[in-house]
Amino acid sequence: MTRRTLVSLPNLISFCRLPLAVLFVGVPHAGARVALLLVAMLTDLLDGWMARRANAVTRAGALIDPIADRLFVLAVVLAYLAEGLLSAGQVLVLLARDIMTAVGFGVARSVSWLRPVEFKARWSGKVVTALQLSTLLLVLLRPTLVPPLVVLVGVAAAIAVADYTLALWRARAR
């Protein structure tokens, strides 16, 4: 990974979700938090679009973007948990896909006989991220809609975990 690939505009946009997460935790005002969530959602769309449009998709960007997404979501979810806006069960469901992805990554790295394969974003994962961010936004705007959305995130997460697992198995079988 060269400095040039790390400092591309799409990667800088991805990195900006980290200070947004810190700001979210530090700013208790709901209006400011809504704005921060909307900016994070916009940067999530913009970084990938820019990288694809400029033909600047890099391995570094493929790692930075999902890590920035996960850290932002984790910060927001933990802030909501600490403030009593989400229950521990809701937090677990909202983070289930991320937890399973981390476990899967750990297994893939620790099992020596597993052939390494390229890990690419899939639509099922993008849907989970969009649902997560939408749910986190609605915690502030329409809390009554949160419980059914958390269930939807859980279902989408289960589908995404199965989808990624099958895709990796197929890639390793080739």
Protein backbone atom coordinates (compact mmCIF):
# COMPACT_ATOMS: atom_id res chain seq x y z
CA MET A 1 0.00 0.00 0.00
CA THR A 2 1.61 3.24 -1.08
CA ARG A 3 1.04 6.66 0.39
CA ARG A 4 -0.54 7.71 -2.91
CA THR A 5 -3.25 5.02 -2.73
CA LEU A 6 -3.98 5.89 0.89
CA VAL A 7 -4.36 9.61 0.20
CA SER A 8 -6.73 9.37 -2.77
CA LEU A 9 -9.84 11.56 -2.59
CA PRO A 10 -12.24 8.58 -2.16
CA ASN A 11 -10.11 7.29 0.74
CA LEU A 12 -9.99 10.72 2.37
CA ILE A 13 -13.77 10.85 2.14
CA SER A 14 -13.95 7.42 3.82
CA PHE A 15 -11.52 8.53 6.54
CA CYS A 16 -13.72 11.54 7.33
CA ARG A 17 -16.28 9.18 8.91
CA LEU A 18 -13.86 8.69 11.81
CA PRO A 19 -13.98 12.32 13.02
CA LEU A 20 -17.72 12.29 12.30
CA ALA A 21 -18.03 9.38 14.76
CA VAL A 22 -16.11 11.30 17.40
CA LEU A 23 -18.27 14.38 16.84
CA PHE A 24 -21.43 12.27 17.06
CA VAL A 25 -20.44 10.93 20.47
CA GLY A 26 -19.42 14.38 21.69
CA VAL A 27 -22.45 16.30 20.47
CA PRO A 28 -25.66 15.50 22.36
CA HIS A 29 -27.93 17.78 20.29
CA ALA A 30 -30.33 15.70 18.16
CA GLY A 31 -30.32 18.13 15.23
CA ALA A 32 -26.53 18.08 15.00
CA ARG A 33 -26.56 14.30 15.25
CA VAL A 34 -29.06 14.03 12.41
CA ALA A 35 -26.77 16.22 10.29
CA LEU A 36 -23.74 14.08 11.19
CA LEU A 37 -25.61 10.89 10.26
CA LEU A 38 -26.69 12.40 6.94
CA VAL A 39 -23.12 13.51 6.18
CA ALA A 40 -21.83 10.01 7.04
CA MET A 41 -24.45 8.46 4.75
CA LEU A 42 -23.49 10.84 1.97
CA THR A 43 -19.78 10.12 2.34
CA ASP A 44 -20.52 6.39 2.25
CA LEU A 45 -22.22 6.82 -1.12
CA LEU A 46 -19.77 9.37 -2.45
CA ASP A 47 -16.47 7.58 -1.76
CA GLY A 48 -17.42 4.44 -3.68
CA TRP A 49 -19.07 6.33 -6.50
CA MET A 50 -16.00 8.56 -6.94
CA ALA A 51 -13.60 5.63 -6.84
CA ARG A 52 -15.57 3.73 -9.49
CA ARG A 53 -16.18 6.78 -11.67
CA ALA A 54 -12.51 7.83 -11.64
CA ASN A 55 -11.37 4.21 -12.01
CA ALA A 56 -9.52 4.71 -8.72
CA VAL A 57 -10.72 1.59 -6.88
CA THR A 58 -7.83 0.33 -4.77
CA ARG A 59 -7.21 -2.47 -2.33
CA ALA A 60 -6.58 0.17 0.35
CA GLY A 61 -9.94 1.77 -0.36
CA ALA A 62 -11.65 -1.60 -0.25
CA LEU A 63 -10.35 -1.95 3.32
CA ILE A 64 -10.68 1.65 4.49
CA ASP A 65 -14.33 2.12 3.47
CA PRO A 66 -15.88 -0.81 5.38
CA ILE A 67 -13.66 -0.19 8.41
CA ALA A 68 -14.75 3.47 8.49
CA ASP A 69 -18.38 2.35 8.12
CA ARG A 70 -18.09 -0.15 10.97
CA LEU A 71 -16.33 2.27 13.31
CA PHE A 72 -18.90 4.99 12.64
CA VAL A 73 -21.83 2.62 13.23
CA LEU A 74 -20.16 1.20 16.35
CA ALA A 75 -19.66 4.68 17.83
CA VAL A 76 -23.26 5.69 17.14
CA VAL A 77 -24.75 2.44 18.44
CA LEU A 78 -22.68 2.57 21.63
CA ALA A 79 -23.64 6.21 22.18
CA TYR A 80 -27.32 5.28 21.83
CA LEU A 81 -26.86 2.32 24.19
CA ALA A 82 -25.18 4.52 26.80
CA GLU A 83 -28.02 7.05 26.50
CA GLY A 84 -30.76 4.40 26.74
CA LEU A 85 -32.00 5.02 23.20
CA LEU A 86 -31.28 1.41 22.18
CA SER A 87 -31.40 -1.77 24.25
CA ALA A 88 -28.50 -4.21 24.45
CA GLY A 89 -30.51 -6.67 22.32
CA GLN A 90 -31.09 -4.06 19.64
CA VAL A 91 -27.39 -3.21 19.64
CA LEU A 92 -26.49 -6.88 19.25
CA VAL A 93 -28.84 -7.23 16.26
CA LEU A 94 -27.58 -4.00 14.67
CA LEU A 95 -23.99 -5.22 14.98
CA ALA A 96 -24.58 -8.92 14.21
CA ARG A 97 -23.32 -8.78 10.61
CA ASP A 98 -20.23 -6.84 11.69
CA ILE A 99 -19.50 -9.30 14.48
CA MET A 100 -19.92 -12.28 12.15
CA THR A 101 -17.72 -10.63 9.52
CA ALA A 102 -14.98 -10.11 12.11
CA VAL A 103 -15.27 -13.74 13.26
CA GLY A 104 -15.18 -14.96 9.65
CA PHE A 105 -12.14 -12.81 8.90
CA GLY A 106 -10.38 -14.18 11.99
CA VAL A 107 -11.15 -17.77 11.01
CA ALA A 108 -10.02 -17.19 7.42
CA ARG A 109 -6.71 -15.72 8.64
CA SER A 110 -6.04 -18.40 11.27
CA VAL A 111 -6.84 -21.52 9.25
CA SER A 112 -3.69 -22.12 7.22
CA TRP A 113 -5.20 -24.50 4.68
CA LEU A 114 -7.84 -22.00 3.54
CA ARG A 115 -6.79 -20.56 0.21
CA PRO A 116 -6.86 -16.73 0.34
CA VAL A 117 -9.42 -15.13 -1.94
CA GLU A 118 -10.25 -11.55 -2.80
CA PHE A 119 -12.98 -10.13 -0.60
CA LYS A 120 -15.33 -7.82 -2.49
CA ALA A 121 -18.31 -5.81 -1.32
CA ARG A 122 -21.64 -7.38 -2.20
CA TRP A 123 -25.09 -5.86 -2.48
CA SER A 124 -26.34 -7.75 0.55
CA GLY A 125 -23.72 -6.03 2.71
CA LYS A 126 -24.56 -2.63 1.24
CA VAL A 127 -28.23 -3.20 2.06
CA VAL A 128 -27.36 -3.99 5.69
CA THR A 129 -25.24 -0.84 5.96
CA ALA A 130 -28.03 1.29 4.46
CA LEU A 131 -30.57 -0.24 6.85
CA GLN A 132 -28.24 0.25 9.82
CA LEU A 133 -27.69 3.91 9.03
CA SER A 134 -31.39 4.46 8.34
CA THR A 135 -32.27 2.85 11.67
CA LEU A 136 -29.72 5.01 13.49
CA LEU A 137 -31.22 8.10 11.88
CA LEU A 138 -34.75 7.07 12.85
CA VAL A 139 -33.69 6.61 16.48
CA LEU A 140 -33.61 10.41 16.52
CA LEU A 141 -36.42 11.18 14.08
CA ARG A 142 -39.03 8.43 14.54
CA PRO A 143 -38.17 6.16 17.50
CA THR A 144 -41.42 4.20 17.12
CA LEU A 145 -40.15 2.81 13.79
CA VAL A 146 -36.91 1.51 15.31
CA PRO A 147 -38.08 -1.91 16.63
CA PRO A 148 -39.38 -3.20 13.27
CA LEU A 149 -36.33 -1.77 11.50
CA VAL A 150 -34.00 -3.55 13.90
CA VAL A 151 -35.75 -6.80 12.98
CA LEU A 152 -35.30 -5.95 9.30
CA VAL A 153 -31.60 -5.26 9.88
CA GLY A 154 -31.31 -8.65 11.60
CA VAL A 155 -32.94 -10.47 8.69
CA ALA A 156 -30.81 -8.58 6.15
CA ALA A 157 -27.69 -9.31 8.24
CA ALA A 158 -28.45 -13.05 8.25
CA ILE A 159 -28.92 -12.97 4.48
CA ALA A 160 -25.67 -10.99 4.05
CA VAL A 161 -23.67 -13.39 6.23
CA ALA A 162 -25.01 -16.35 4.22
CA ASP A 163 -24.36 -14.53 0.93
CA TYR A 164 -20.76 -13.64 1.83
CA THR A 165 -20.09 -17.13 3.19
CA LEU A 166 -21.35 -18.78 -0.01
CA ALA A 167 -19.43 -16.33 -2.19
CA LEU A 168 -16.20 -17.05 -0.31
CA TRP A 169 -16.74 -20.81 -0.44
CA ARG A 170 -17.34 -20.62 -4.19
CA ALA A 171 -14.26 -18.45 -4.70
CA ARG A 172 -12.12 -20.89 -2.71
CA ALA A 173 -13.46 -23.86 -4.68
CA ARG A 174 -12.18 -22.42 -7.97
